[in-house]
């Protein structure tokens, strides 16, 4: 893999379709199950290829994505790295019942905004190369904001 740009990292997304037995409401379940660092260059068109198939499941590799970092989101990256399970977030649409990824993020703040807007967002554990790249970016660009205490108004009218 070539060295990614300082603020962009090419990735591919693995989406799985699994058959559901003994459920009268659904026959299949779709989910994002992984991220492949550096696979299929991001400048290529987003493309899907079947990578695994058995009696109960199919897995597809969606290539052509990249994680793009922005300096105004460094606090979100910082808290992602400090979390119990640092993650990369895959935002998806449904097209004819199929799960289609369209964006890969590193900030949980951005991921929450997409969830609030009703999009499906999957959190996938950060692969080590992406973790190191994101950590390097945070160390270079994150400046913690000073937390200021709230100033309370005087309760008594006369003041002391």
N, C-alpha and C. Protein backbone atom coordinates (compact mmCIF):
# COMPACT_ATOMS: atom_id res chain seq x y z
N UNK A 1 0.84 -1.18 0.00
CA UNK A 1 0.00 0.00 0.00
C UNK A 1 0.88 1.24 0.00
N UNK A 2 0.49 2.19 -0.80
CA UNK A 2 1.25 3.44 -0.81
C UNK A 2 0.89 4.26 0.42
N UNK A 3 1.74 5.20 0.74
CA UNK A 3 1.52 6.05 1.91
C UNK A 3 0.34 6.98 1.63
N UNK A 4 -0.73 6.93 2.46
CA UNK A 4 -1.88 7.79 2.19
C UNK A 4 -1.53 9.26 2.40
N UNK A 5 -2.31 10.11 1.74
CA UNK A 5 -2.15 11.55 1.95
C UNK A 5 -2.39 11.85 3.41
N UNK A 6 -1.89 12.97 3.88
CA UNK A 6 -2.01 13.32 5.30
C UNK A 6 -3.45 13.37 5.78
N UNK A 7 -4.39 13.76 4.91
CA UNK A 7 -5.77 13.90 5.35
C UNK A 7 -6.75 12.97 4.64
N UNK A 8 -6.27 11.99 3.89
CA UNK A 8 -7.16 11.05 3.17
C UNK A 8 -6.56 9.65 3.24
N UNK A 9 -7.45 8.67 3.41
CA UNK A 9 -7.01 7.28 3.50
C UNK A 9 -7.98 6.43 2.68
N UNK A 10 -7.50 5.77 1.61
CA UNK A 10 -8.40 4.93 0.79
C UNK A 10 -8.79 3.66 1.54
N UNK A 11 -10.06 3.30 1.42
CA UNK A 11 -10.58 2.09 2.07
C UNK A 11 -11.63 1.43 1.18
N UNK A 12 -11.89 0.17 1.48
CA UNK A 12 -13.02 -0.54 0.90
C UNK A 12 -13.88 -1.04 2.05
N UNK A 13 -15.15 -1.27 1.76
CA UNK A 13 -16.13 -1.65 2.77
C UNK A 13 -16.65 -3.05 2.44
N UNK A 14 -16.74 -3.91 3.45
CA UNK A 14 -17.31 -5.25 3.26
C UNK A 14 -18.73 -5.25 3.81
N UNK A 15 -19.69 -5.56 2.93
CA UNK A 15 -21.10 -5.62 3.29
C UNK A 15 -21.55 -7.08 3.15
N UNK A 16 -22.32 -7.53 4.14
CA UNK A 16 -22.77 -8.93 4.14
C UNK A 16 -24.29 -9.00 4.08
N UNK A 17 -24.78 -9.91 3.26
CA UNK A 17 -26.20 -10.26 3.21
C UNK A 17 -26.31 -11.67 3.76
N UNK A 18 -27.08 -11.82 4.84
CA UNK A 18 -27.22 -13.13 5.48
C UNK A 18 -28.69 -13.53 5.46
N UNK A 19 -28.96 -14.79 5.11
CA UNK A 19 -30.33 -15.33 5.14
C UNK A 19 -30.79 -15.47 6.58
N UNK A 20 -32.06 -15.19 6.79
CA UNK A 20 -32.65 -15.31 8.13
C UNK A 20 -33.70 -16.42 8.06
N UNK A 21 -33.52 -17.44 8.90
CA UNK A 21 -34.46 -18.56 8.94
C UNK A 21 -35.43 -18.39 10.10
N UNK A 22 -36.59 -19.00 9.95
CA UNK A 22 -37.60 -19.04 11.02
C UNK A 22 -38.06 -17.66 11.48
N UNK A 23 -38.19 -16.74 10.55
CA UNK A 23 -38.70 -15.42 10.86
C UNK A 23 -39.72 -15.05 9.79
N UNK A 24 -40.95 -14.87 10.18
CA UNK A 24 -41.98 -14.61 9.17
C UNK A 24 -41.96 -13.19 8.64
N UNK A 25 -41.19 -12.31 9.28
CA UNK A 25 -41.17 -10.91 8.87
C UNK A 25 -40.04 -10.58 7.91
N UNK A 26 -38.88 -11.22 8.07
CA UNK A 26 -37.74 -10.93 7.19
C UNK A 26 -37.11 -12.22 6.69
N UNK A 27 -36.52 -12.15 5.52
CA UNK A 27 -35.84 -13.32 4.94
C UNK A 27 -34.33 -13.12 4.86
N UNK A 28 -33.90 -11.86 4.99
CA UNK A 28 -32.47 -11.58 4.93
C UNK A 28 -32.11 -10.37 5.79
N UNK A 29 -30.84 -10.30 6.17
CA UNK A 29 -30.32 -9.23 7.00
C UNK A 29 -29.04 -8.70 6.34
N UNK A 30 -28.94 -7.39 6.24
CA UNK A 30 -27.75 -6.75 5.66
C UNK A 30 -27.00 -6.01 6.74
N UNK A 31 -25.66 -6.05 6.70
CA UNK A 31 -24.86 -5.27 7.64
C UNK A 31 -23.45 -5.08 7.08
N UNK A 32 -22.80 -4.02 7.58
CA UNK A 32 -21.39 -3.80 7.26
C UNK A 32 -20.59 -4.62 8.25
N UNK A 33 -19.65 -5.43 7.74
CA UNK A 33 -18.89 -6.33 8.62
C UNK A 33 -17.40 -6.03 8.66
N UNK A 34 -16.91 -5.11 7.82
CA UNK A 34 -15.48 -4.83 7.86
C UNK A 34 -15.06 -3.69 6.95
N UNK A 35 -13.82 -3.28 7.20
CA UNK A 35 -13.15 -2.24 6.41
C UNK A 35 -11.80 -2.82 5.98
N UNK A 36 -11.43 -2.58 4.73
CA UNK A 36 -10.13 -3.01 4.23
C UNK A 36 -9.30 -1.76 3.94
N UNK A 37 -8.26 -1.50 4.73
CA UNK A 37 -7.43 -0.31 4.50
C UNK A 37 -6.71 -0.37 3.16
N UNK A 38 -6.77 0.73 2.42
CA UNK A 38 -6.01 0.86 1.20
C UNK A 38 -6.50 0.07 0.01
N UNK A 39 -7.54 -0.72 0.16
CA UNK A 39 -8.00 -1.55 -0.95
C UNK A 39 -8.73 -0.70 -1.98
N UNK A 40 -8.53 -1.01 -3.23
CA UNK A 40 -9.17 -0.35 -4.36
C UNK A 40 -9.10 1.17 -4.23
N UNK A 41 -8.26 1.78 -4.97
CA UNK A 41 -7.98 3.22 -4.86
C UNK A 41 -9.24 4.06 -4.87
N UNK A 42 -9.25 5.09 -4.06
CA UNK A 42 -10.41 5.96 -3.90
C UNK A 42 -10.71 6.76 -5.16
N UNK A 43 -9.73 6.92 -6.04
CA UNK A 43 -9.99 7.67 -7.26
C UNK A 43 -10.72 6.82 -8.30
N UNK A 44 -10.82 5.51 -8.05
CA UNK A 44 -11.60 4.65 -8.92
C UNK A 44 -13.09 4.85 -8.59
N UNK A 45 -13.95 4.52 -9.53
CA UNK A 45 -15.38 4.64 -9.27
C UNK A 45 -15.77 3.65 -8.18
N UNK A 46 -16.76 4.03 -7.38
CA UNK A 46 -17.26 3.12 -6.34
C UNK A 46 -17.81 1.89 -7.04
N UNK A 47 -17.32 0.73 -6.65
CA UNK A 47 -17.70 -0.50 -7.33
C UNK A 47 -17.90 -1.61 -6.31
N UNK A 48 -18.76 -2.58 -6.66
CA UNK A 48 -19.06 -3.69 -5.78
C UNK A 48 -18.67 -4.99 -6.45
N UNK A 49 -18.04 -5.88 -5.68
CA UNK A 49 -17.69 -7.20 -6.18
C UNK A 49 -17.98 -8.27 -5.14
N UNK A 50 -18.50 -9.40 -5.57
CA UNK A 50 -18.76 -10.53 -4.67
C UNK A 50 -17.43 -11.15 -4.26
N UNK A 51 -17.20 -11.29 -2.93
CA UNK A 51 -15.93 -11.87 -2.46
C UNK A 51 -16.12 -13.18 -1.71
N UNK A 52 -17.36 -13.48 -1.30
CA UNK A 52 -17.63 -14.73 -0.58
C UNK A 52 -19.09 -15.08 -0.74
N UNK A 53 -19.35 -16.40 -0.89
CA UNK A 53 -20.73 -16.86 -0.98
C UNK A 53 -20.81 -18.27 -0.44
N UNK A 54 -21.80 -18.52 0.42
CA UNK A 54 -22.10 -19.88 0.86
C UNK A 54 -23.62 -20.02 0.96
N UNK A 55 -24.10 -21.08 1.62
CA UNK A 55 -25.54 -21.35 1.66
C UNK A 55 -26.33 -20.27 2.40
N UNK A 56 -25.71 -19.60 3.35
CA UNK A 56 -26.45 -18.65 4.19
C UNK A 56 -26.03 -17.19 4.04
N UNK A 57 -24.93 -16.92 3.37
CA UNK A 57 -24.45 -15.53 3.32
C UNK A 57 -23.69 -15.22 2.04
N UNK A 58 -23.70 -13.93 1.72
CA UNK A 58 -22.87 -13.39 0.63
C UNK A 58 -22.17 -12.15 1.18
N UNK A 59 -20.91 -11.97 0.79
CA UNK A 59 -20.18 -10.77 1.18
C UNK A 59 -19.71 -10.05 -0.08
N UNK A 60 -19.87 -8.72 -0.04
CA UNK A 60 -19.49 -7.87 -1.16
C UNK A 60 -18.45 -6.87 -0.71
N UNK A 61 -17.46 -6.64 -1.56
CA UNK A 61 -16.44 -5.62 -1.30
C UNK A 61 -16.79 -4.40 -2.14
N UNK A 62 -17.06 -3.30 -1.45
CA UNK A 62 -17.33 -2.03 -2.10
C UNK A 62 -16.05 -1.20 -2.04
N UNK A 63 -15.48 -0.90 -3.19
CA UNK A 63 -14.26 -0.12 -3.25
C UNK A 63 -14.51 1.30 -3.71
N UNK A 64 -13.45 2.10 -3.65
CA UNK A 64 -13.53 3.47 -4.14
C UNK A 64 -13.86 4.49 -3.07
N UNK A 65 -13.74 4.13 -1.80
CA UNK A 65 -14.01 5.06 -0.71
C UNK A 65 -12.72 5.60 -0.14
N UNK A 66 -12.85 6.69 0.60
CA UNK A 66 -11.73 7.20 1.37
C UNK A 66 -12.26 7.88 2.62
N UNK A 67 -11.47 7.82 3.66
CA UNK A 67 -11.77 8.57 4.87
C UNK A 67 -11.07 9.90 4.70
N UNK A 68 -11.83 10.98 4.75
CA UNK A 68 -11.27 12.33 4.62
C UNK A 68 -11.33 13.01 5.98
N UNK A 69 -10.20 13.55 6.41
CA UNK A 69 -10.13 14.23 7.70
C UNK A 69 -10.18 15.74 7.49
N UNK A 70 -10.80 16.42 8.48
CA UNK A 70 -10.95 17.87 8.43
C UNK A 70 -10.52 18.45 9.76
N UNK A 71 -9.78 19.52 9.74
CA UNK A 71 -9.25 20.11 10.98
C UNK A 71 -10.34 20.52 11.95
N UNK A 72 -11.49 20.92 11.47
CA UNK A 72 -12.55 21.33 12.39
C UNK A 72 -13.26 20.14 13.05
N UNK A 73 -12.87 18.92 12.71
CA UNK A 73 -13.44 17.72 13.32
C UNK A 73 -12.43 16.99 14.23
N UNK A 74 -11.29 17.62 14.52
CA UNK A 74 -10.25 16.90 15.29
C UNK A 74 -10.71 16.49 16.68
N UNK A 75 -11.59 17.26 17.29
CA UNK A 75 -12.09 16.86 18.61
C UNK A 75 -12.87 15.54 18.52
N UNK A 76 -13.67 15.38 17.47
CA UNK A 76 -14.39 14.12 17.25
C UNK A 76 -13.45 12.95 17.04
N UNK A 77 -12.36 13.17 16.31
CA UNK A 77 -11.37 12.09 16.10
C UNK A 77 -10.69 11.75 17.43
N UNK A 78 -10.36 12.78 18.19
CA UNK A 78 -9.70 12.60 19.49
C UNK A 78 -10.55 11.72 20.40
N UNK A 79 -11.83 12.07 20.55
CA UNK A 79 -12.70 11.29 21.42
C UNK A 79 -12.99 9.90 20.87
N UNK A 80 -12.96 9.75 19.56
CA UNK A 80 -13.08 8.42 18.97
C UNK A 80 -11.90 7.54 19.40
N UNK A 81 -10.69 8.09 19.31
CA UNK A 81 -9.49 7.33 19.69
C UNK A 81 -9.49 6.98 21.18
N UNK A 82 -10.05 7.84 22.03
CA UNK A 82 -10.09 7.60 23.46
C UNK A 82 -11.21 6.66 23.89
N UNK A 83 -12.14 6.39 23.02
CA UNK A 83 -13.31 5.59 23.37
C UNK A 83 -12.98 4.14 23.66
N UNK A 84 -13.96 3.44 24.21
CA UNK A 84 -13.80 2.02 24.55
C UNK A 84 -13.48 1.19 23.31
N UNK A 85 -14.12 1.51 22.19
CA UNK A 85 -13.88 0.79 20.93
C UNK A 85 -13.70 1.81 19.81
N UNK A 86 -12.46 2.30 19.58
CA UNK A 86 -12.26 3.24 18.47
C UNK A 86 -12.78 2.62 17.16
N UNK A 87 -13.50 3.43 16.40
CA UNK A 87 -14.22 2.89 15.24
C UNK A 87 -14.08 3.76 14.02
N UNK A 88 -14.38 3.15 12.89
CA UNK A 88 -14.61 3.86 11.65
C UNK A 88 -16.11 3.67 11.39
N UNK A 89 -16.76 4.70 10.86
CA UNK A 89 -18.21 4.68 10.72
C UNK A 89 -18.58 4.66 9.24
N UNK A 90 -19.43 3.71 8.87
CA UNK A 90 -19.86 3.57 7.48
C UNK A 90 -21.33 3.96 7.40
N UNK A 91 -21.62 4.98 6.59
CA UNK A 91 -22.98 5.49 6.41
C UNK A 91 -23.53 4.83 5.15
N UNK A 92 -24.76 4.28 5.27
CA UNK A 92 -25.35 3.52 4.16
C UNK A 92 -26.77 3.97 3.83
N UNK A 93 -27.18 3.70 2.59
CA UNK A 93 -28.55 3.87 2.11
C UNK A 93 -29.11 2.48 1.83
N UNK A 94 -30.41 2.38 1.72
CA UNK A 94 -31.08 1.18 1.23
C UNK A 94 -31.52 1.45 -0.20
N UNK A 95 -31.15 0.53 -1.10
CA UNK A 95 -31.61 0.61 -2.49
C UNK A 95 -32.18 -0.74 -2.84
N UNK A 96 -33.49 -0.78 -3.06
CA UNK A 96 -34.20 -2.03 -3.37
C UNK A 96 -33.87 -3.10 -2.32
N UNK A 97 -33.94 -2.72 -1.05
CA UNK A 97 -33.67 -3.59 0.11
C UNK A 97 -32.20 -3.92 0.30
N UNK A 98 -31.34 -3.55 -0.63
CA UNK A 98 -29.91 -3.82 -0.50
C UNK A 98 -29.23 -2.66 0.25
N UNK A 99 -28.25 -3.01 1.07
CA UNK A 99 -27.49 -2.01 1.81
C UNK A 99 -26.34 -1.50 0.94
N UNK A 100 -26.30 -0.19 0.73
CA UNK A 100 -25.29 0.41 -0.14
C UNK A 100 -24.52 1.48 0.65
N UNK A 101 -23.22 1.26 0.90
CA UNK A 101 -22.43 2.27 1.60
C UNK A 101 -22.19 3.48 0.70
N UNK A 102 -22.17 4.68 1.32
CA UNK A 102 -21.85 5.86 0.51
C UNK A 102 -20.84 6.80 1.15
N UNK A 103 -20.50 6.58 2.45
CA UNK A 103 -19.56 7.47 3.10
C UNK A 103 -18.88 6.73 4.25
N UNK A 104 -17.58 6.99 4.44
CA UNK A 104 -16.82 6.40 5.54
C UNK A 104 -16.22 7.55 6.35
N UNK A 105 -16.45 7.54 7.68
CA UNK A 105 -16.07 8.64 8.56
C UNK A 105 -15.21 8.15 9.72
N UNK A 106 -14.47 9.08 10.32
CA UNK A 106 -13.69 8.76 11.53
C UNK A 106 -14.17 9.52 12.75
N UNK A 107 -15.08 10.45 12.59
CA UNK A 107 -15.58 11.26 13.71
C UNK A 107 -16.93 10.74 14.17
N UNK A 108 -17.02 10.43 15.46
CA UNK A 108 -18.32 9.97 15.94
C UNK A 108 -19.33 11.12 15.97
N UNK A 109 -18.89 12.36 16.02
CA UNK A 109 -19.81 13.50 15.94
C UNK A 109 -20.51 13.51 14.58
N UNK A 110 -19.74 13.33 13.51
CA UNK A 110 -20.33 13.28 12.18
C UNK A 110 -21.27 12.09 12.03
N UNK A 111 -20.84 10.94 12.56
CA UNK A 111 -21.67 9.72 12.49
C UNK A 111 -23.00 9.94 13.20
N UNK A 112 -22.97 10.59 14.37
CA UNK A 112 -24.20 10.87 15.11
C UNK A 112 -25.13 11.79 14.32
N UNK A 113 -24.57 12.74 13.61
CA UNK A 113 -25.39 13.65 12.80
C UNK A 113 -26.11 12.87 11.71
N UNK A 114 -25.43 11.91 11.07
CA UNK A 114 -26.08 11.09 10.05
C UNK A 114 -27.15 10.19 10.68
N UNK A 115 -26.89 9.64 11.87
CA UNK A 115 -27.89 8.82 12.55
C UNK A 115 -29.12 9.67 12.90
N UNK A 116 -28.89 10.89 13.38
CA UNK A 116 -30.00 11.78 13.70
C UNK A 116 -30.84 12.10 12.46
N UNK A 117 -30.22 12.08 11.30
CA UNK A 117 -30.92 12.35 10.05
C UNK A 117 -31.60 11.10 9.49
N UNK A 118 -31.50 9.97 10.21
CA UNK A 118 -32.19 8.76 9.80
C UNK A 118 -31.40 7.82 8.92
N UNK A 119 -30.12 8.09 8.74
CA UNK A 119 -29.29 7.19 7.93
C UNK A 119 -28.84 5.98 8.76
N UNK A 120 -28.56 4.88 8.10
CA UNK A 120 -28.00 3.72 8.78
C UNK A 120 -26.49 3.91 8.88
N UNK A 121 -25.96 3.80 10.10
CA UNK A 121 -24.53 3.99 10.35
C UNK A 121 -24.02 2.77 11.10
N UNK A 122 -22.94 2.19 10.60
CA UNK A 122 -22.33 1.01 11.21
C UNK A 122 -20.96 1.39 11.75
N UNK A 123 -20.69 1.01 13.00
CA UNK A 123 -19.38 1.26 13.61
C UNK A 123 -18.55 -0.01 13.48
N UNK A 124 -17.39 0.12 12.86
CA UNK A 124 -16.48 -1.00 12.65
C UNK A 124 -15.18 -0.68 13.39
N UNK A 125 -14.63 -1.64 14.15
CA UNK A 125 -13.36 -1.37 14.85
C UNK A 125 -12.29 -0.84 13.90
N UNK A 126 -11.56 0.18 14.37
CA UNK A 126 -10.50 0.79 13.55
C UNK A 126 -9.38 -0.22 13.29
N UNK A 127 -9.10 -0.51 12.02
CA UNK A 127 -7.94 -1.36 11.73
C UNK A 127 -6.65 -0.63 12.14
N UNK A 128 -5.63 -1.37 12.59
CA UNK A 128 -4.39 -0.73 13.08
C UNK A 128 -3.78 0.33 12.15
N UNK A 129 -3.69 0.11 10.83
CA UNK A 129 -3.08 1.17 10.00
C UNK A 129 -3.89 2.47 10.02
N UNK A 130 -5.21 2.37 10.07
CA UNK A 130 -6.05 3.56 10.12
C UNK A 130 -5.95 4.22 11.49
N UNK A 131 -5.89 3.41 12.54
CA UNK A 131 -5.74 3.94 13.90
C UNK A 131 -4.47 4.78 13.99
N UNK A 132 -3.34 4.26 13.50
CA UNK A 132 -2.06 4.98 13.57
C UNK A 132 -2.10 6.26 12.74
N UNK A 133 -2.71 6.19 11.57
CA UNK A 133 -2.84 7.37 10.70
C UNK A 133 -3.70 8.44 11.37
N UNK A 134 -4.84 8.03 11.95
CA UNK A 134 -5.73 8.97 12.62
C UNK A 134 -5.07 9.57 13.86
N UNK A 135 -4.36 8.74 14.61
CA UNK A 135 -3.64 9.22 15.80
C UNK A 135 -2.60 10.27 15.43
N UNK A 136 -1.87 10.04 14.37
CA UNK A 136 -0.86 10.99 13.91
C UNK A 136 -1.51 12.32 13.53
N UNK A 137 -2.65 12.25 12.86
CA UNK A 137 -3.36 13.46 12.47
C UNK A 137 -3.81 14.24 13.70
N UNK A 138 -4.36 13.56 14.69
CA UNK A 138 -4.84 14.20 15.91
C UNK A 138 -3.68 14.86 16.67
N UNK A 139 -2.56 14.15 16.78
CA UNK A 139 -1.40 14.71 17.48
C UNK A 139 -0.93 15.99 16.78
N UNK A 140 -0.96 16.01 15.46
CA UNK A 140 -0.50 17.19 14.71
C UNK A 140 -1.48 18.37 14.76
N UNK A 141 -2.79 18.08 14.83
CA UNK A 141 -3.77 19.16 14.61
C UNK A 141 -4.72 19.46 15.76
N UNK A 142 -4.85 18.57 16.72
CA UNK A 142 -5.86 18.79 17.77
C UNK A 142 -5.36 19.77 18.81
N UNK A 143 -6.16 20.81 19.06
CA UNK A 143 -5.89 21.78 20.11
C UNK A 143 -7.12 21.76 21.01
N UNK A 144 -6.97 21.24 22.24
CA UNK A 144 -8.13 21.17 23.13
C UNK A 144 -8.68 22.57 23.41
N UNK A 145 -9.99 22.66 23.45
CA UNK A 145 -10.62 23.93 23.78
C UNK A 145 -10.65 24.08 25.29
N UNK A 146 -10.42 25.29 25.74
CA UNK A 146 -10.42 25.55 27.18
C UNK A 146 -11.85 25.51 27.68
N UNK A 147 -12.09 24.68 28.68
CA UNK A 147 -13.42 24.59 29.27
C UNK A 147 -13.55 25.70 30.30
N UNK A 148 -14.56 26.51 30.15
CA UNK A 148 -14.78 27.62 31.07
C UNK A 148 -15.97 27.29 31.95
N UNK A 149 -15.81 27.58 33.23
CA UNK A 149 -16.91 27.38 34.17
C UNK A 149 -17.99 28.41 33.95
N UNK A 150 -19.16 28.07 34.33
CA UNK A 150 -20.28 28.98 34.19
C UNK A 150 -20.25 29.99 35.33
N UNK A 151 -20.44 31.24 35.02
CA UNK A 151 -20.47 32.28 36.05
C UNK A 151 -21.91 32.41 36.54
N UNK A 152 -22.07 32.25 37.83
CA UNK A 152 -23.40 32.32 38.41
C UNK A 152 -23.75 33.76 38.79
N UNK A 153 -25.00 34.08 38.61
CA UNK A 153 -25.50 35.38 39.06
C UNK A 153 -25.66 35.34 40.57
N UNK A 154 -25.54 36.50 41.16
CA UNK A 154 -25.76 36.59 42.62
C UNK A 154 -27.24 36.33 42.90
N UNK A 155 -27.48 35.56 43.94
CA UNK A 155 -28.85 35.23 44.31
C UNK A 155 -29.49 36.37 45.13
N UNK A 156 -28.71 36.99 45.94
CA UNK A 156 -29.25 38.07 46.78
C UNK A 156 -29.14 39.39 46.05
N UNK A 157 -30.11 40.25 46.22
CA UNK A 157 -30.11 41.51 45.51
C UNK A 157 -29.07 42.51 45.97
N UNK A 158 -28.76 42.54 47.26
CA UNK A 158 -27.87 43.57 47.80
C UNK A 158 -26.41 43.33 47.48
N UNK A 159 -25.98 42.12 47.34
CA UNK A 159 -24.58 41.82 47.05
C UNK A 159 -23.67 42.07 48.22
N UNK A 160 -22.61 41.35 48.29
CA UNK A 160 -21.62 41.49 49.37
C UNK A 160 -20.28 41.73 48.79
